Amino acid sequence: MTDKEATLNADKSKGLLLFAIGLAFAVLWSSAATATKIGLQSAQPFTICIARFFLAGGVMLLIAHVIMGKRLPRGKEWKQLCIYGLLNISLYLGIYIVAMQEVSPGLGSLAIATNPVFISLMSTILFGQRLKPATLISLLLCSAGVTLAAWPLIQHSMATPFGIGLLMSSMLIYSVGTLYFSRQPWSDLHILSINGWQTLLGGIFLLPVAAITFEPSKNVWDKHFFGSVLWLAIPVSIMAVQLWLYLLRDNAVKAAFWLFLCPVSGYIIANVMMKEPIGLYAIAGMLLVIVGLYLVQKKKAS
């Protein structure tokens, strides 16, 4: 085998690996909405949150500090982790799971896919950047797509305006958390350590709310609860995030295009697991969101 053939085979193998990783990420990431909805059949939202965050955070910190031997945070890194955990875990996922009581899993996964557009918008608002036409058009298309997909669900009591409002508010908070993370000096603190501590701290911040709202009669420790918590903690919070980081390290622009698959896979998962119908409104809404995502990613790539 010549050097040229060896290089071509290596490139082909890497391409297949990246394809498999991207596909796995899209499926796992978009499955969060359905897994959340299943868990809500048996438990209160913050009960699910606390169990998920403590399990996921504990596993990541065990791997990072005990198995891998990575250093602990120090100095102002603790403050950064607290702020990031408050935004990215306590507020974003805390509000998101409350919203999921009021909306369908397909709509929840569709909203998650709009995150890149909201990140671009919040970057413009918070850092004084000029609002580019592509960002505005993307925001309008994604908002129209979510609204269009939600319309028949509202009519059939599968979503409420209040739930949709909470859902989009959580996306805005997530974008703020992402921008905060990207602008902090993390030195050589390992990414698994960052994720582990921000997840655990976010869960700790939610403990008072969970304690105040806890009602034993509304929580059943059955297969729906444990299955939901385990899935959200391991495949979503740990595996999907690590796959995403791998894709970002390889090529950030190409990685972002896997978000286009999330609305489609999210609706398919919701249809298979919870019999959520996929009608013309949902398909049209997905297409609008995908076009909006494409525009904002094309702007980043140029």
Protein backbone atom coordinates (compact mmCIF):
# COMPACT_ATOMS: atom_id res chain seq x y z
CA MET A 1 0.00 0.00 0.00
CA THR A 2 1.40 3.40 -1.02
CA ASP A 3 1.56 6.39 1.30
CA LYS A 4 -1.19 8.06 -0.75
CA GLU A 5 -3.50 5.05 -0.40
CA ALA A 6 -2.77 4.86 3.32
CA THR A 7 -3.64 8.54 3.71
CA LEU A 8 -6.87 8.11 1.74
CA ASN A 9 -7.87 5.10 3.87
CA ALA A 10 -7.09 7.02 7.06
CA ASP A 11 -9.16 9.98 5.90
CA LYS A 12 -12.03 7.65 4.96
CA SER A 13 -11.89 5.92 8.35
CA LYS A 14 -11.86 9.26 10.17
CA GLY A 15 -14.78 10.47 8.06
CA LEU A 16 -16.82 7.37 8.95
CA LEU A 17 -15.91 7.80 12.62
CA LEU A 18 -16.98 11.46 12.61
CA PHE A 19 -20.22 10.53 10.86
CA ALA A 20 -21.00 7.87 13.49
CA ILE A 21 -20.13 10.29 16.32
CA GLY A 22 -22.26 13.07 14.82
CA LEU A 23 -25.22 10.77 14.31
CA ALA A 24 -24.92 9.42 17.86
CA PHE A 25 -24.71 12.96 19.26
CA ALA A 26 -27.83 14.13 17.39
CA VAL A 27 -29.88 11.13 18.52
CA LEU A 28 -28.75 11.26 22.16
CA TRP A 29 -29.06 15.04 22.45
CA SER A 30 -32.54 15.14 20.92
CA SER A 31 -33.72 12.23 23.08
CA ALA A 32 -33.58 14.41 26.20
CA ALA A 33 -37.05 15.87 25.65
CA THR A 34 -38.74 12.47 25.39
CA ALA A 35 -36.77 11.07 28.34
CA THR A 36 -37.82 14.10 30.40
CA LYS A 37 -41.46 13.68 29.44
CA ILE A 38 -41.37 10.00 30.42
CA GLY A 39 -39.89 10.85 33.80
CA LEU A 40 -42.57 13.47 34.44
CA GLN A 41 -45.19 10.71 34.30
CA SER A 42 -43.89 9.49 37.65
CA ALA A 43 -42.14 12.34 39.44
CA GLN A 44 -42.03 16.07 40.02
CA PRO A 45 -39.69 18.05 37.77
CA PHE A 46 -37.18 19.07 40.43
CA THR A 47 -37.05 15.55 41.85
CA ILE A 48 -35.89 14.37 38.43
CA CYS A 49 -33.43 17.27 38.19
CA ILE A 50 -31.76 16.63 41.54
CA ALA A 51 -31.36 12.90 40.87
CA ARG A 52 -30.02 13.54 37.35
CA PHE A 53 -27.56 16.27 38.29
CA PHE A 54 -26.11 14.53 41.33
CA LEU A 55 -25.69 11.26 39.45
CA ALA A 56 -24.17 12.83 36.32
CA GLY A 57 -21.97 15.23 38.30
CA GLY A 58 -20.77 12.49 40.63
CA VAL A 59 -19.85 10.15 37.77
CA MET A 60 -17.97 12.87 35.87
CA LEU A 61 -16.04 13.99 38.96
CA LEU A 62 -15.16 10.39 39.84
CA ILE A 63 -13.74 9.87 36.34
CA ALA A 64 -11.98 13.25 36.22
CA HIS A 65 -10.38 13.37 39.67
CA VAL A 66 -10.10 9.74 40.81
CA ILE A 67 -9.60 7.74 37.62
CA MET A 68 -7.87 10.36 35.43
CA GLY A 69 -6.17 12.19 38.29
CA LYS A 70 -7.04 15.68 37.02
CA ARG A 71 -6.58 18.63 39.35
CA LEU A 72 -9.34 20.24 41.41
CA PRO A 73 -10.59 23.76 40.65
CA ARG A 74 -8.83 26.52 42.55
CA GLY A 75 -9.18 30.22 43.29
CA LYS A 76 -11.61 32.17 41.14
CA GLU A 77 -12.43 29.01 39.15
CA TRP A 78 -14.89 28.09 41.91
CA LYS A 79 -16.76 31.36 41.35
CA GLN A 80 -16.80 30.75 37.59
CA LEU A 81 -18.13 27.23 38.12
CA CYS A 82 -20.86 28.49 40.46
CA ILE A 83 -22.04 31.11 37.95
CA TYR A 84 -21.86 28.68 35.05
CA GLY A 85 -23.70 25.99 37.03
CA LEU A 86 -26.39 28.48 38.04
CA LEU A 87 -26.99 29.55 34.44
CA ASN A 88 -26.43 26.30 32.55
CA ILE A 89 -27.94 23.85 35.04
CA SER A 90 -30.12 25.46 37.73
CA LEU A 91 -31.88 28.06 35.57
CA TYR A 92 -31.71 26.61 32.06
CA LEU A 93 -32.55 22.98 32.83
CA GLY A 94 -34.70 23.88 35.85
CA ILE A 95 -36.96 26.09 33.72
CA TYR A 96 -36.78 23.65 30.79
CA ILE A 97 -38.12 20.71 32.79
CA VAL A 98 -40.96 22.82 34.18
CA ALA A 99 -41.80 23.85 30.62
CA MET A 100 -41.84 20.19 29.55
CA GLN A 101 -44.86 19.67 31.78
CA GLU A 102 -46.74 21.98 29.39
CA VAL A 103 -45.37 20.99 25.95
CA SER A 104 -44.88 17.85 23.85
CA PRO A 105 -41.46 16.12 23.62
CA GLY A 106 -41.17 16.83 19.89
CA LEU A 107 -41.65 20.54 20.48
CA GLY A 108 -39.10 20.41 23.30
CA SER A 109 -36.45 18.91 21.02
CA LEU A 110 -37.30 21.42 18.29
CA ALA A 111 -36.72 24.31 20.71
CA ILE A 112 -33.35 22.87 21.81
CA ALA A 113 -32.17 22.92 18.19
CA THR A 114 -32.67 26.70 18.04
CA ASN A 115 -29.89 27.33 20.59
CA PRO A 116 -27.25 28.45 18.04
CA VAL A 117 -29.58 31.20 16.82
CA PHE A 118 -30.24 32.47 20.33
CA ILE A 119 -26.51 32.36 21.11
CA SER A 120 -25.86 34.62 18.09
CA LEU A 121 -28.64 36.97 19.19
CA MET A 122 -27.48 37.20 22.80
CA SER A 123 -23.89 37.75 21.66
CA THR A 124 -25.17 40.76 19.73
CA ILE A 125 -27.17 42.11 22.68
CA LEU A 126 -24.62 41.51 25.45
CA PHE A 127 -21.44 42.51 23.65
CA GLY A 128 -22.70 45.35 21.48
CA GLN A 129 -22.12 43.64 18.19
CA ARG A 130 -24.08 44.79 15.17
CA LEU A 131 -27.22 42.73 14.56
CA LYS A 132 -26.55 41.18 11.19
CA PRO A 133 -29.46 40.50 8.81
CA ALA A 134 -28.68 36.76 8.78
CA THR A 135 -29.08 36.57 12.57
CA LEU A 136 -32.38 38.44 12.52
CA ILE A 137 -33.76 36.34 9.66
CA SER A 138 -32.61 33.15 11.42
CA LEU A 139 -34.34 34.19 14.62
CA LEU A 140 -37.58 34.99 12.78
CA LEU A 141 -37.50 31.69 10.87
CA CYS A 142 -36.81 29.61 13.98
CA SER A 143 -39.48 31.44 16.00
CA ALA A 144 -41.97 30.96 13.17
CA GLY A 145 -41.02 27.28 12.94
CA VAL A 146 -41.56 26.64 16.65
CA THR A 147 -44.86 28.57 16.55
CA LEU A 148 -46.07 26.67 13.48
CA ALA A 149 -45.17 23.30 14.99
CA ALA A 150 -46.85 24.28 18.28
CA TRP A 151 -50.11 25.51 16.78
CA PRO A 152 -51.91 22.14 16.38
CA LEU A 153 -50.45 20.97 19.71
CA ILE A 154 -52.05 23.95 21.47
CA GLN A 155 -55.37 23.14 19.80
CA HIS A 156 -55.16 19.53 21.02
CA SER A 157 -53.95 20.49 24.53
CA MET A 158 -50.46 19.01 23.94
CA ALA A 159 -48.84 22.41 24.56
CA THR A 160 -49.72 25.69 26.27
CA PRO A 161 -48.59 29.27 25.56
CA PHE A 162 -47.18 29.39 29.10
CA GLY A 163 -45.09 26.27 28.48
CA ILE A 164 -43.81 27.59 25.16
CA GLY A 165 -42.86 30.88 26.82
CA LEU A 166 -40.90 29.03 29.52
CA LEU A 167 -39.28 26.86 26.87
CA MET A 168 -37.98 29.80 24.87
CA SER A 169 -36.91 31.61 28.06
CA SER A 170 -34.78 28.60 28.99
CA MET A 171 -33.13 28.75 25.55
CA LEU A 172 -32.20 32.40 26.13
CA ILE A 173 -30.67 31.54 29.52
CA TYR A 174 -28.72 28.68 27.94
CA SER A 175 -27.26 31.07 25.36
CA VAL A 176 -26.14 33.44 28.14
CA GLY A 177 -24.51 30.52 29.97
CA THR A 178 -22.72 29.39 26.81
CA LEU A 179 -21.35 32.88 26.18
CA TYR A 180 -20.26 33.18 29.80
CA PHE A 181 -18.40 29.86 29.57
CA SER A 182 -16.67 30.82 26.33
CA ARG A 183 -15.31 34.06 27.80
CA GLN A 184 -13.86 32.69 31.02
CA PRO A 185 -10.17 31.75 31.52
CA TRP A 186 -10.30 28.07 32.52
CA SER A 187 -6.51 27.55 32.38
CA ASP A 188 -5.73 23.81 32.31
CA LEU A 189 -8.88 22.73 34.18
CA HIS A 190 -10.09 19.59 32.42
CA ILE A 191 -13.41 19.84 30.56
CA LEU A 192 -14.79 16.79 32.38
CA SER A 193 -13.99 18.48 35.68
CA ILE A 194 -15.72 21.68 34.53
CA ASN A 195 -18.82 19.78 33.44
CA GLY A 196 -18.86 17.66 36.57
CA TRP A 197 -18.60 20.55 39.02
CA GLN A 198 -21.02 22.85 37.17
CA THR A 199 -23.57 20.00 37.05
CA LEU A 200 -23.17 19.14 40.73
CA LEU A 201 -23.22 22.80 41.84
CA GLY A 202 -26.28 23.47 39.68
CA GLY A 203 -28.04 20.59 41.42
CA ILE A 204 -27.06 21.94 44.85
CA PHE A 205 -28.50 25.37 43.97
CA LEU A 206 -31.80 23.68 43.06
CA LEU A 207 -32.03 21.75 46.34
CA PRO A 208 -33.97 24.46 48.27
CA VAL A 209 -36.55 24.75 45.48
CA ALA A 210 -36.87 20.97 45.27
CA ALA A 211 -37.31 20.71 49.04
CA ILE A 212 -39.98 23.43 49.19
CA THR A 213 -42.01 22.01 46.29
CA PHE A 214 -41.57 18.31 47.13
CA GLU A 215 -44.79 16.35 47.60
CA PRO A 216 -44.26 12.62 48.32
CA SER A 217 -47.60 11.63 46.78
CA LYS A 218 -46.52 13.03 43.40
CA ASN A 219 -43.40 10.87 43.14
CA VAL A 220 -43.44 7.18 42.25
CA TRP A 221 -40.11 5.36 42.20
CA ASP A 222 -40.87 3.18 39.19
CA LYS A 223 -39.23 2.27 35.86
CA HIS A 224 -40.29 5.60 34.31
CA PHE A 225 -38.49 7.59 36.98
CA PHE A 226 -35.30 5.52 37.14
CA GLY A 227 -35.15 5.03 33.38
CA SER A 228 -35.55 8.76 32.77
CA VAL A 229 -32.93 9.78 35.35
CA LEU A 230 -30.37 7.21 34.17
CA TRP A 231 -30.85 8.17 30.51
CA LEU A 232 -30.67 11.91 31.17
CA ALA A 233 -27.62 11.53 33.40
CA ILE A 234 -25.45 9.10 31.42
CA PRO A 235 -26.26 9.17 27.66
CA VAL A 236 -27.38 12.83 27.59
CA SER A 237 -25.45 14.76 30.26
CA ILE A 238 -22.21 12.79 29.88
CA MET A 239 -22.00 10.93 26.57
CA ALA A 240 -23.73 13.47 24.30
CA VAL A 241 -21.71 16.37 25.73
CA GLN A 242 -18.41 14.50 25.28
CA LEU A 243 -19.34 13.55 21.69
CA TRP A 244 -20.18 17.20 21.01
CA LEU A 245 -16.84 18.35 22.38
CA TYR A 246 -15.04 15.81 20.18
CA LEU A 247 -16.86 17.14 17.11
CA LEU A 248 -16.04 20.73 18.10
CA ARG A 249 -12.35 19.95 18.48
CA ASP A 250 -12.27 18.45 14.99
CA ASN A 251 -14.19 21.20 13.18
CA ALA A 252 -16.52 23.60 14.98
CA VAL A 253 -18.37 24.70 11.83
CA LYS A 254 -19.00 21.16 10.59
CA ALA A 255 -20.00 20.07 14.11
CA ALA A 256 -22.74 22.68 14.29
CA PHE A 257 -24.45 21.22 11.23
CA TRP A 258 -25.31 18.09 13.23
CA LEU A 259 -27.76 20.29 15.12
CA PHE A 260 -29.87 20.27 11.95
CA LEU A 261 -30.64 16.60 12.56
CA CYS A 262 -31.83 17.17 16.13
CA PRO A 263 -35.37 18.39 15.29
CA VAL A 264 -35.91 15.44 12.95
CA SER A 265 -34.52 12.79 15.29
CA GLY A 266 -36.32 14.40 18.24
CA TYR A 267 -39.70 14.15 16.55
CA ILE A 268 -39.01 10.56 15.42
CA ILE A 269 -38.07 9.54 18.98
CA ALA A 270 -41.18 11.25 20.37
CA ASN A 271 -43.32 9.50 17.76
CA VAL A 272 -41.87 6.06 18.49
CA MET A 273 -41.73 6.34 22.29
CA MET A 274 -44.81 8.47 23.03
CA LYS A 275 -46.90 8.24 19.86
CA GLU A 276 -46.65 11.98 19.22
CA PRO A 277 -48.07 12.65 15.74
CA ILE A 278 -45.86 14.15 13.04
CA GLY A 279 -48.23 16.25 10.93
CA LEU A 280 -47.74 18.83 8.20
CA TYR A 281 -47.44 21.65 10.75
CA ALA A 282 -44.59 19.80 12.52
CA ILE A 283 -42.80 19.11 9.23
CA ALA A 284 -43.18 22.71 8.07
CA GLY A 285 -41.96 23.95 11.46
CA MET A 286 -38.92 21.67 11.32
CA LEU A 287 -38.03 22.93 7.85
CA LEU A 288 -38.24 26.57 8.97
CA VAL A 289 -36.00 25.87 11.97
CA ILE A 290 -33.49 23.97 9.82
CA VAL A 291 -33.33 26.85 7.32
CA GLY A 292 -32.87 29.32 10.18
CA LEU A 293 -30.05 27.19 11.63
CA TYR A 294 -28.42 26.93 8.21
CA LEU A 295 -28.39 30.70 7.78
CA VAL A 296 -26.77 31.36 11.14
CA GLN A 297 -24.17 28.60 10.64
CA LYS A 298 -23.41 29.82 7.13
CA LYS A 299 -22.77 33.27 8.59
CA LYS A 300 -20.32 31.79 11.11
CA ALA A 301 -18.52 29.83 8.43
CA SER A 302 -18.02 32.88 6.16
